[in-house]
N, C-alpha and C. Protein backbone atom coordinates (compact mmCIF):
# COMPACT_ATOMS: atom_id res chain seq x y z
N MET A 1 0.17 -17.86 -13.45
CA MET A 1 -1.23 -17.52 -13.28
C MET A 1 -1.35 -16.10 -12.75
N GLN A 2 -2.12 -15.28 -13.42
CA GLN A 2 -2.31 -13.91 -12.98
C GLN A 2 -3.32 -13.85 -11.84
N ARG A 3 -3.03 -13.00 -10.89
CA ARG A 3 -3.94 -12.76 -9.77
C ARG A 3 -4.89 -11.64 -10.16
N PRO A 4 -6.16 -11.78 -9.79
CA PRO A 4 -7.09 -10.68 -10.10
C PRO A 4 -6.77 -9.45 -9.26
N ILE A 5 -6.88 -8.31 -9.90
CA ILE A 5 -6.67 -7.04 -9.22
C ILE A 5 -8.04 -6.49 -8.84
N THR A 6 -8.15 -6.08 -7.59
CA THR A 6 -9.42 -5.56 -7.08
C THR A 6 -9.26 -4.08 -6.77
N LYS A 7 -10.21 -3.30 -7.19
CA LYS A 7 -10.21 -1.87 -6.89
C LYS A 7 -10.91 -1.66 -5.55
N ARG A 8 -10.25 -0.90 -4.68
CA ARG A 8 -10.80 -0.62 -3.36
C ARG A 8 -10.75 0.89 -3.11
N SER A 9 -11.72 1.38 -2.40
CA SER A 9 -11.75 2.80 -2.03
C SER A 9 -11.14 2.98 -0.65
N ILE A 10 -10.29 3.98 -0.51
CA ILE A 10 -9.72 4.33 0.79
C ILE A 10 -9.70 5.85 0.92
N VAL A 11 -9.60 6.30 2.14
CA VAL A 11 -9.49 7.74 2.40
C VAL A 11 -8.03 8.05 2.69
N VAL A 12 -7.46 8.94 1.89
CA VAL A 12 -6.07 9.36 2.03
C VAL A 12 -6.10 10.83 2.40
N GLY A 13 -5.75 11.12 3.63
CA GLY A 13 -5.87 12.50 4.10
C GLY A 13 -7.34 12.86 4.18
N GLU A 14 -7.72 13.84 3.42
CA GLU A 14 -9.12 14.28 3.41
C GLU A 14 -9.85 13.88 2.14
N ARG A 15 -9.17 13.09 1.29
CA ARG A 15 -9.81 12.75 0.02
C ARG A 15 -10.00 11.25 -0.12
N LYS A 16 -11.08 10.90 -0.76
CA LYS A 16 -11.37 9.50 -1.04
C LYS A 16 -10.76 9.17 -2.40
N THR A 17 -10.05 8.06 -2.47
CA THR A 17 -9.44 7.64 -3.72
C THR A 17 -9.55 6.13 -3.84
N SER A 18 -9.19 5.61 -4.98
CA SER A 18 -9.23 4.16 -5.14
C SER A 18 -7.83 3.65 -5.44
N ILE A 19 -7.58 2.44 -4.98
CA ILE A 19 -6.33 1.75 -5.28
C ILE A 19 -6.71 0.41 -5.89
N SER A 20 -5.86 -0.06 -6.77
CA SER A 20 -6.08 -1.36 -7.42
C SER A 20 -4.93 -2.27 -7.05
N LEU A 21 -5.22 -3.27 -6.22
CA LEU A 21 -4.20 -4.18 -5.73
C LEU A 21 -4.69 -5.62 -5.78
N GLU A 22 -3.76 -6.53 -5.97
CA GLU A 22 -4.06 -7.95 -5.83
C GLU A 22 -4.39 -8.19 -4.35
N SER A 23 -5.21 -9.19 -4.09
CA SER A 23 -5.62 -9.48 -2.70
C SER A 23 -4.41 -9.71 -1.80
N GLU A 24 -3.39 -10.39 -2.32
CA GLU A 24 -2.20 -10.68 -1.51
C GLU A 24 -1.48 -9.39 -1.10
N PHE A 25 -1.38 -8.44 -2.02
CA PHE A 25 -0.75 -7.16 -1.69
C PHE A 25 -1.61 -6.36 -0.71
N PHE A 26 -2.92 -6.39 -0.91
CA PHE A 26 -3.78 -5.65 0.01
C PHE A 26 -3.70 -6.24 1.41
N ASP A 27 -3.69 -7.57 1.51
CA ASP A 27 -3.56 -8.22 2.82
C ASP A 27 -2.23 -7.87 3.47
N ALA A 28 -1.15 -7.86 2.68
CA ALA A 28 0.16 -7.50 3.21
C ALA A 28 0.18 -6.03 3.63
N PHE A 29 -0.47 -5.17 2.86
CA PHE A 29 -0.58 -3.75 3.20
C PHE A 29 -1.28 -3.58 4.55
N LYS A 30 -2.38 -4.32 4.74
CA LYS A 30 -3.10 -4.27 6.02
C LYS A 30 -2.20 -4.76 7.16
N ASP A 31 -1.42 -5.82 6.91
CA ASP A 31 -0.51 -6.35 7.93
C ASP A 31 0.55 -5.31 8.33
N VAL A 32 1.11 -4.63 7.34
CA VAL A 32 2.11 -3.59 7.62
C VAL A 32 1.48 -2.49 8.47
N ALA A 33 0.29 -2.03 8.08
CA ALA A 33 -0.39 -0.98 8.84
C ALA A 33 -0.64 -1.44 10.28
N HIS A 34 -1.05 -2.68 10.43
CA HIS A 34 -1.31 -3.21 11.78
C HIS A 34 -0.02 -3.25 12.60
N ARG A 35 1.06 -3.74 12.01
CA ARG A 35 2.35 -3.80 12.71
C ARG A 35 2.86 -2.41 13.09
N GLU A 36 2.62 -1.44 12.21
CA GLU A 36 3.05 -0.06 12.48
C GLU A 36 2.03 0.70 13.31
N ARG A 37 0.94 0.04 13.65
CA ARG A 37 -0.14 0.63 14.47
C ARG A 37 -0.69 1.91 13.84
N LYS A 38 -0.99 1.79 12.54
CA LYS A 38 -1.55 2.91 11.79
C LYS A 38 -2.81 2.46 11.06
N HIS A 39 -3.69 3.40 10.82
CA HIS A 39 -4.84 3.12 9.98
C HIS A 39 -4.35 3.03 8.54
N LEU A 40 -5.07 2.28 7.72
CA LEU A 40 -4.69 2.14 6.31
C LEU A 40 -4.57 3.51 5.64
N GLY A 41 -5.51 4.38 5.91
CA GLY A 41 -5.49 5.70 5.29
C GLY A 41 -4.27 6.51 5.69
N THR A 42 -3.87 6.38 6.95
CA THR A 42 -2.69 7.11 7.43
C THR A 42 -1.44 6.61 6.74
N LEU A 43 -1.28 5.28 6.66
CA LEU A 43 -0.12 4.72 5.99
C LEU A 43 -0.14 5.07 4.50
N ALA A 44 -1.30 4.99 3.89
CA ALA A 44 -1.42 5.35 2.47
C ALA A 44 -1.05 6.82 2.25
N GLN A 45 -1.42 7.69 3.18
CA GLN A 45 -1.08 9.11 3.07
C GLN A 45 0.43 9.31 3.14
N GLU A 46 1.09 8.58 4.03
CA GLU A 46 2.55 8.67 4.14
C GLU A 46 3.23 8.17 2.86
N ILE A 47 2.74 7.05 2.35
CA ILE A 47 3.29 6.51 1.11
C ILE A 47 3.06 7.50 -0.03
N ASP A 48 1.86 8.06 -0.09
CA ASP A 48 1.51 9.03 -1.13
C ASP A 48 2.43 10.24 -1.09
N ALA A 49 2.73 10.73 0.11
CA ALA A 49 3.57 11.92 0.26
C ALA A 49 5.02 11.66 -0.14
N ASN A 50 5.45 10.40 -0.06
CA ASN A 50 6.86 10.08 -0.32
C ASN A 50 7.09 9.36 -1.64
N ARG A 51 6.06 9.15 -2.42
CA ARG A 51 6.25 8.39 -3.66
C ARG A 51 6.91 9.24 -4.74
N ALA A 52 7.59 8.55 -5.62
CA ALA A 52 8.26 9.23 -6.74
C ALA A 52 7.21 9.79 -7.69
N SER A 53 7.52 10.92 -8.28
CA SER A 53 6.58 11.49 -9.24
C SER A 53 6.45 10.53 -10.41
N GLY A 54 5.26 10.43 -10.92
CA GLY A 54 5.00 9.52 -12.03
C GLY A 54 4.60 8.12 -11.58
N THR A 55 4.75 7.83 -10.30
CA THR A 55 4.35 6.52 -9.77
C THR A 55 2.95 6.65 -9.19
N ASN A 56 2.04 5.77 -9.61
CA ASN A 56 0.70 5.86 -9.04
C ASN A 56 0.69 5.26 -7.64
N LEU A 57 -0.35 5.58 -6.88
CA LEU A 57 -0.41 5.17 -5.48
C LEU A 57 -0.42 3.66 -5.34
N SER A 58 -1.12 2.96 -6.19
CA SER A 58 -1.16 1.49 -6.10
C SER A 58 0.23 0.89 -6.25
N SER A 59 0.98 1.38 -7.21
CA SER A 59 2.35 0.89 -7.41
C SER A 59 3.24 1.25 -6.23
N ALA A 60 3.07 2.46 -5.71
CA ALA A 60 3.86 2.89 -4.56
C ALA A 60 3.57 2.00 -3.35
N ILE A 61 2.33 1.59 -3.17
CA ILE A 61 1.97 0.70 -2.06
C ILE A 61 2.64 -0.66 -2.26
N ARG A 62 2.60 -1.18 -3.48
CA ARG A 62 3.26 -2.47 -3.76
C ARG A 62 4.75 -2.39 -3.42
N LEU A 63 5.41 -1.30 -3.83
CA LEU A 63 6.83 -1.14 -3.56
C LEU A 63 7.10 -1.02 -2.06
N TYR A 64 6.23 -0.34 -1.34
CA TYR A 64 6.37 -0.20 0.11
C TYR A 64 6.24 -1.57 0.79
N VAL A 65 5.26 -2.34 0.37
CA VAL A 65 5.06 -3.69 0.92
C VAL A 65 6.27 -4.56 0.62
N LEU A 66 6.77 -4.51 -0.60
CA LEU A 66 7.95 -5.29 -0.98
C LEU A 66 9.15 -4.89 -0.13
N ALA A 67 9.38 -3.59 0.04
CA ALA A 67 10.50 -3.11 0.86
C ALA A 67 10.37 -3.59 2.31
N ASP A 68 9.14 -3.58 2.82
CA ASP A 68 8.91 -4.06 4.19
C ASP A 68 9.25 -5.54 4.30
N LEU A 69 8.82 -6.33 3.35
CA LEU A 69 9.11 -7.76 3.35
C LEU A 69 10.62 -8.02 3.25
N GLN A 70 11.29 -7.24 2.42
CA GLN A 70 12.74 -7.40 2.28
C GLN A 70 13.46 -7.02 3.57
N ARG A 71 13.03 -5.94 4.22
CA ARG A 71 13.64 -5.53 5.49
C ARG A 71 13.48 -6.63 6.53
N ARG A 72 12.29 -7.17 6.61
CA ARG A 72 12.03 -8.20 7.62
C ARG A 72 12.74 -9.51 7.32
N ALA A 73 13.03 -9.76 6.04
CA ALA A 73 13.75 -10.97 5.64
C ALA A 73 15.27 -10.78 5.74
N GLY A 74 15.68 -9.52 6.00
CA GLY A 74 17.10 -9.24 6.10
C GLY A 74 17.79 -9.10 4.77
N ALA A 75 17.00 -8.85 3.71
CA ALA A 75 17.60 -8.72 2.37
C ALA A 75 18.19 -7.36 2.14
């Protein structure tokens, strides 16, 4: 079953942009930001600055969330 993807607006640095994430990924993204004691925009800016060229921000956020889950699971 496919999860619906929702487009959300966030501020990354000084610019407003949109990301398209499934609710589960967005909730996990918020959890990571909370654990790291960062605003969503701040964490998104860091992810944006470190993402591979050709990767869109939404995909980079998904990969960041996945890596966080793997780290915490000890994988």
